[in-house]
C-alpha cells in the first residue's frame, strides 16, 4: 500500500467530510433566510433525567433529621435487629415506586 501525502498539514482543506461538503466551510453554508428543514425531538426520558438532576441539585446533601433518627436507632439497637423486616420494607418500597415516573 502506498500513501501519497502531498498536503503539508493533515486535513488542511477541510471542505469535504465523509458525507460530502463540510457544513462549516464557506461554500457549504445555507444562505440567510432559508428555513431550516432539520428537526430534533427528545424522548420523555430526557425530561425525567432533567427533573432528577434538578431534584438532586435542590436537595441537601445531608439530611440532619435522617442522620439523627439513624443514630438513635443504632444506639437503641433497633437498627438491623430484624433483617427480614428490613428486606421486606426495601422490596415493598421498590415495588411501590416501580416503574419510576
Protein backbone atom coordinates (compact mmCIF):
# COMPACT_ATOMS: atom_id res chain seq x y z
CA UNK A 1 0.00 0.00 0.00
CA UNK A 2 1.32 3.40 -0.97
CA UNK A 3 0.42 6.55 0.95
CA UNK A 4 0.70 9.74 -1.02
CA UNK A 5 1.00 12.63 1.41
CA UNK A 6 1.08 15.77 -0.72
CA UNK A 7 -0.54 18.02 1.90
CA UNK A 8 1.66 19.91 4.30
CA UNK A 9 -0.91 19.75 7.12
CA UNK A 10 -3.30 16.85 7.67
CA UNK A 11 -6.88 17.90 6.96
CA UNK A 12 -5.81 21.34 5.79
CA UNK A 13 -8.52 21.74 3.16
CA UNK A 14 -11.37 20.60 5.46
CA UNK A 15 -14.04 21.21 2.83
CA UNK A 16 -15.25 17.64 2.46
CA UNK A 17 -16.13 15.10 5.10
CA UNK A 18 -17.39 11.56 4.97
CA UNK A 19 -20.86 12.52 3.74
CA UNK A 20 -19.99 15.39 1.44
CA UNK A 21 -19.26 19.06 1.97
CA UNK A 22 -18.27 20.24 5.40
CA UNK A 23 -21.14 22.38 6.76
CA UNK A 24 -18.63 24.71 8.39
CA UNK A 25 -16.91 25.61 5.13
CA UNK A 26 -17.99 28.82 3.46
CA UNK A 27 -19.05 27.03 0.25
CA UNK A 28 -21.48 24.73 2.12
CA UNK A 29 -23.30 27.33 4.23
CA UNK A 30 -27.03 27.81 3.82
CA UNK A 31 -27.95 31.35 2.76
CA UNK A 32 -29.51 33.57 5.42
CA UNK A 33 -33.30 33.48 5.47
CA UNK A 34 -33.52 29.88 4.27
CA UNK A 35 -35.91 27.91 6.50
CA UNK A 36 -34.32 25.04 8.38
CA UNK A 37 -35.59 21.60 7.47
CA UNK A 38 -33.96 19.59 10.26
CA UNK A 39 -35.91 18.83 13.42
CA UNK A 40 -34.98 17.42 16.80
CA UNK A 41 -37.29 15.62 19.17
CA UNK A 42 -36.32 14.26 22.57
CA UNK A 43 -37.84 11.32 24.38
CA UNK A 44 -39.63 11.62 27.69
CA UNK A 45 -36.57 10.07 29.34
CA UNK A 46 -34.69 13.32 28.81
CA UNK A 47 -37.32 15.20 30.80
CA UNK A 48 -37.12 12.59 33.55
CA UNK A 49 -33.35 12.93 33.69
CA UNK A 50 -33.60 16.73 33.86
CA UNK A 51 -36.12 16.54 36.72
CA UNK A 52 -33.91 14.06 38.57
CA UNK A 53 -30.88 16.33 38.22
CA UNK A 54 -32.90 19.33 39.42
CA UNK A 55 -34.09 17.36 42.46
CA UNK A 56 -30.55 16.32 43.31
CA UNK A 57 -29.27 19.88 42.97
CA UNK A 58 -32.00 21.34 45.19
CA UNK A 59 -31.99 18.69 47.92
CA UNK A 60 -29.47 18.93 50.75
CA UNK A 61 -26.56 16.51 50.62
CA UNK A 62 -27.01 15.57 54.29
CA UNK A 63 -30.42 15.35 55.94
CA UNK A 64 -29.87 16.09 59.63
CA UNK A 65 -33.26 14.64 60.61
CA UNK A 66 -32.47 11.30 58.95
CA UNK A 67 -28.98 11.21 60.49
CA UNK A 68 -30.40 11.87 63.97
CA UNK A 69 -33.07 9.19 63.51
CA UNK A 70 -30.43 6.70 62.31
CA UNK A 71 -28.12 7.44 65.24
CA UNK A 72 -30.99 6.98 67.65
CA UNK A 73 -31.94 3.63 66.10
CA UNK A 74 -28.32 2.41 66.22
CA UNK A 75 -27.91 3.44 69.88
CA UNK A 76 -31.14 1.72 70.86
CA UNK A 77 -30.17 -1.46 69.00
CA UNK A 78 -33.25 -1.28 66.75
CA UNK A 79 -31.30 -0.70 63.53
CA UNK A 80 -30.54 -4.00 61.84
CA UNK A 81 -32.15 -6.09 64.56
CA UNK A 82 -34.66 -7.69 62.19
CA UNK A 83 -33.04 -8.24 58.77
CA UNK A 84 -36.14 -9.94 57.35
CA UNK A 85 -38.30 -6.91 58.17
CA UNK A 86 -35.65 -4.65 56.63
CA UNK A 87 -35.54 -6.65 53.40
CA UNK A 88 -39.36 -6.76 53.23
CA UNK A 89 -39.54 -2.98 53.68
CA UNK A 90 -36.93 -2.36 50.97
CA UNK A 91 -38.65 -4.67 48.49
CA UNK A 92 -42.07 -3.16 49.24
CA UNK A 93 -40.77 0.35 48.72
CA UNK A 94 -39.18 -0.63 45.39
CA UNK A 95 -42.35 -2.32 44.19
CA UNK A 96 -44.46 0.72 45.11
CA UNK A 97 -42.23 3.05 43.14
CA UNK A 98 -41.94 0.74 40.10
CA UNK A 99 -42.00 1.81 37.31
CA UNK A 100 -40.41 5.07 38.29
CA UNK A 101 -42.10 8.11 36.78
